[in-house]
Amino acid sequence: MSDTNEYEMEPQLKAALQGIIPPEELRTWLSTPNPGFQGETPLALIKSGERDRIWSMIHQTRIGAYS
């Protein structure tokens, strides 16, 4: 499993993710393929500069789109 310390995550993104994902589950979530990201891991998206896809998921979660 990738260690979240292996990459740089902007503090705002990390705080936003911790607002919707329990901090103890964040590392696992980041390294697990996600169907909402066409099977990519959130970590792969962050590393490839596709943070906008993560921000979109955060926004959709906040407004209740996934409930």
N, C-alpha and C. Protein backbone atom coordinates (compact mmCIF):
# COMPACT_ATOMS: atom_id res chain seq x y z
N MET A 1 0.85 -1.18 0.00
CA MET A 1 0.00 0.00 0.00
C MET A 1 0.89 1.23 0.00
N SER A 2 0.49 2.21 -0.77
CA SER A 2 1.27 3.45 -0.82
C SER A 2 1.12 4.21 0.48
N ASP A 3 2.19 4.83 0.87
CA ASP A 3 2.17 5.68 2.06
C ASP A 3 1.83 7.08 1.62
N THR A 4 0.86 7.70 2.29
CA THR A 4 0.43 9.03 1.89
C THR A 4 1.53 10.06 2.06
N ASN A 5 2.62 9.72 2.73
CA ASN A 5 3.73 10.64 2.87
C ASN A 5 4.64 10.63 1.65
N GLU A 6 4.39 9.74 0.69
CA GLU A 6 5.23 9.63 -0.49
C GLU A 6 4.93 10.72 -1.52
N TYR A 7 3.96 11.52 -1.32
CA TYR A 7 3.59 12.55 -2.27
C TYR A 7 3.19 13.79 -1.50
N GLU A 8 3.08 14.86 -2.20
CA GLU A 8 2.64 16.09 -1.55
C GLU A 8 1.15 16.28 -1.82
N MET A 9 0.41 16.48 -0.76
CA MET A 9 -1.01 16.79 -0.90
C MET A 9 -1.21 18.17 -0.30
N GLU A 10 -1.83 19.03 -1.08
CA GLU A 10 -2.06 20.38 -0.57
C GLU A 10 -2.90 20.31 0.71
N PRO A 11 -2.58 21.16 1.68
CA PRO A 11 -3.28 21.11 2.97
C PRO A 11 -4.80 21.25 2.83
N GLN A 12 -5.27 22.06 1.89
CA GLN A 12 -6.71 22.24 1.72
C GLN A 12 -7.38 20.95 1.26
N LEU A 13 -6.72 20.25 0.35
CA LEU A 13 -7.28 18.99 -0.14
C LEU A 13 -7.30 17.95 0.97
N LYS A 14 -6.21 17.85 1.71
CA LYS A 14 -6.16 16.89 2.81
C LYS A 14 -7.24 17.19 3.85
N ALA A 15 -7.41 18.46 4.21
CA ALA A 15 -8.44 18.84 5.19
C ALA A 15 -9.83 18.52 4.67
N ALA A 16 -10.07 18.79 3.39
CA ALA A 16 -11.39 18.51 2.81
C ALA A 16 -11.68 17.01 2.82
N LEU A 17 -10.68 16.21 2.46
CA LEU A 17 -10.86 14.76 2.48
C LEU A 17 -11.11 14.25 3.89
N GLN A 18 -10.36 14.80 4.86
CA GLN A 18 -10.55 14.36 6.24
C GLN A 18 -11.91 14.80 6.78
N GLY A 19 -12.54 15.76 6.13
CA GLY A 19 -13.88 16.18 6.52
C GLY A 19 -14.96 15.19 6.10
N ILE A 20 -14.63 14.32 5.13
CA ILE A 20 -15.63 13.34 4.66
C ILE A 20 -15.18 11.89 4.83
N ILE A 21 -13.89 11.69 5.05
CA ILE A 21 -13.34 10.34 5.24
C ILE A 21 -12.62 10.33 6.59
N PRO A 22 -12.97 9.39 7.46
CA PRO A 22 -12.27 9.34 8.75
C PRO A 22 -10.76 9.27 8.53
N PRO A 23 -10.00 10.08 9.26
CA PRO A 23 -8.54 10.12 9.06
C PRO A 23 -7.87 8.75 9.10
N GLU A 24 -8.36 7.85 9.93
CA GLU A 24 -7.74 6.53 10.02
C GLU A 24 -8.02 5.67 8.78
N GLU A 25 -8.98 6.07 7.96
CA GLU A 25 -9.32 5.34 6.74
C GLU A 25 -8.79 6.01 5.48
N LEU A 26 -8.23 7.20 5.62
CA LEU A 26 -7.83 7.99 4.46
C LEU A 26 -6.76 7.29 3.62
N ARG A 27 -5.74 6.75 4.25
CA ARG A 27 -4.66 6.11 3.49
C ARG A 27 -5.19 4.94 2.67
N THR A 28 -6.07 4.14 3.26
CA THR A 28 -6.66 3.02 2.52
C THR A 28 -7.51 3.52 1.37
N TRP A 29 -8.32 4.54 1.62
CA TRP A 29 -9.17 5.10 0.56
C TRP A 29 -8.32 5.62 -0.60
N LEU A 30 -7.25 6.29 -0.29
CA LEU A 30 -6.39 6.86 -1.33
C LEU A 30 -5.77 5.80 -2.22
N SER A 31 -5.51 4.62 -1.70
CA SER A 31 -4.80 3.59 -2.46
C SER A 31 -5.72 2.48 -2.98
N THR A 32 -7.03 2.67 -2.85
CA THR A 32 -7.99 1.67 -3.32
C THR A 32 -8.62 2.12 -4.64
N PRO A 33 -8.61 1.25 -5.66
CA PRO A 33 -9.28 1.62 -6.91
C PRO A 33 -10.73 2.01 -6.64
N ASN A 34 -11.16 3.08 -7.29
CA ASN A 34 -12.48 3.65 -7.01
C ASN A 34 -13.30 3.65 -8.29
N PRO A 35 -14.47 2.99 -8.28
CA PRO A 35 -15.29 2.96 -9.48
C PRO A 35 -15.71 4.36 -9.94
N GLY A 36 -15.83 5.29 -9.00
CA GLY A 36 -16.19 6.66 -9.35
C GLY A 36 -15.11 7.38 -10.14
N PHE A 37 -13.91 6.81 -10.11
CA PHE A 37 -12.78 7.37 -10.86
C PHE A 37 -12.34 6.39 -11.95
N GLN A 38 -13.30 5.66 -12.51
CA GLN A 38 -13.07 4.68 -13.57
C GLN A 38 -11.98 3.68 -13.17
N GLY A 39 -12.00 3.27 -11.91
CA GLY A 39 -11.09 2.25 -11.42
C GLY A 39 -9.72 2.76 -11.00
N GLU A 40 -9.46 4.04 -11.20
CA GLU A 40 -8.19 4.62 -10.75
C GLU A 40 -8.21 4.80 -9.25
N THR A 41 -7.05 4.83 -8.65
CA THR A 41 -6.99 5.15 -7.23
C THR A 41 -6.95 6.66 -7.07
N PRO A 42 -7.52 7.18 -6.00
CA PRO A 42 -7.43 8.62 -5.77
C PRO A 42 -5.98 9.10 -5.72
N LEU A 43 -5.09 8.27 -5.18
CA LEU A 43 -3.67 8.64 -5.12
C LEU A 43 -3.08 8.81 -6.51
N ALA A 44 -3.45 7.93 -7.43
CA ALA A 44 -2.96 8.04 -8.81
C ALA A 44 -3.44 9.35 -9.44
N LEU A 45 -4.68 9.72 -9.16
CA LEU A 45 -5.20 10.98 -9.70
C LEU A 45 -4.43 12.17 -9.14
N ILE A 46 -4.16 12.15 -7.85
CA ILE A 46 -3.42 13.24 -7.22
C ILE A 46 -2.03 13.34 -7.82
N LYS A 47 -1.36 12.20 -7.95
CA LYS A 47 0.00 12.19 -8.49
C LYS A 47 0.05 12.66 -9.94
N SER A 48 -1.01 12.40 -10.70
CA SER A 48 -1.02 12.78 -12.11
C SER A 48 -1.58 14.18 -12.34
N GLY A 49 -1.86 14.89 -11.25
CA GLY A 49 -2.34 16.26 -11.38
C GLY A 49 -3.83 16.40 -11.63
N GLU A 50 -4.57 15.33 -11.44
CA GLU A 50 -6.02 15.37 -11.67
C GLU A 50 -6.78 15.61 -10.38
N ARG A 51 -6.29 16.53 -9.58
CA ARG A 51 -6.93 16.84 -8.29
C ARG A 51 -8.36 17.35 -8.48
N ASP A 52 -8.64 17.95 -9.64
CA ASP A 52 -9.98 18.46 -9.89
C ASP A 52 -11.03 17.36 -9.79
N ARG A 53 -10.68 16.15 -10.15
CA ARG A 53 -11.63 15.03 -10.03
C ARG A 53 -11.90 14.70 -8.57
N ILE A 54 -10.88 14.82 -7.74
CA ILE A 54 -11.05 14.60 -6.30
C ILE A 54 -11.92 15.71 -5.72
N TRP A 55 -11.62 16.96 -6.09
CA TRP A 55 -12.42 18.09 -5.60
C TRP A 55 -13.88 17.96 -6.01
N SER A 56 -14.12 17.49 -7.22
CA SER A 56 -15.50 17.29 -7.68
C SER A 56 -16.21 16.26 -6.81
N MET A 57 -15.54 15.15 -6.49
CA MET A 57 -16.12 14.13 -5.62
C MET A 57 -16.41 14.72 -4.24
N ILE A 58 -15.49 15.52 -3.71
CA ILE A 58 -15.70 16.14 -2.40
C ILE A 58 -16.94 17.02 -2.44
N HIS A 59 -17.05 17.83 -3.48
CA HIS A 59 -18.21 18.72 -3.61
C HIS A 59 -19.50 17.90 -3.70
N GLN A 60 -19.50 16.88 -4.55
CA GLN A 60 -20.70 16.05 -4.70
C GLN A 60 -21.08 15.37 -3.39
N THR A 61 -20.10 14.94 -2.63
CA THR A 61 -20.35 14.29 -1.34
C THR A 61 -20.95 15.30 -0.37
N ARG A 62 -20.39 16.49 -0.35
CA ARG A 62 -20.88 17.53 0.57
C ARG A 62 -22.34 17.91 0.29
N ILE A 63 -22.73 17.92 -0.98
CA ILE A 63 -24.11 18.32 -1.29
C ILE A 63 -25.07 17.13 -1.24
N GLY A 64 -24.52 15.94 -0.94
CA GLY A 64 -25.38 14.78 -0.76
C GLY A 64 -25.68 14.00 -2.02
N ALA A 65 -24.91 14.21 -3.05
CA ALA A 65 -25.17 13.51 -4.31
C ALA A 65 -24.99 12.00 -4.21
N TYR A 66 -24.19 11.54 -3.24
CA TYR A 66 -23.93 10.10 -3.10
C TYR A 66 -24.72 9.48 -1.97
N SER A 67 -25.70 10.18 -1.44
CA SER A 67 -26.47 9.59 -0.34
C SER A 67 -27.74 8.95 -0.82
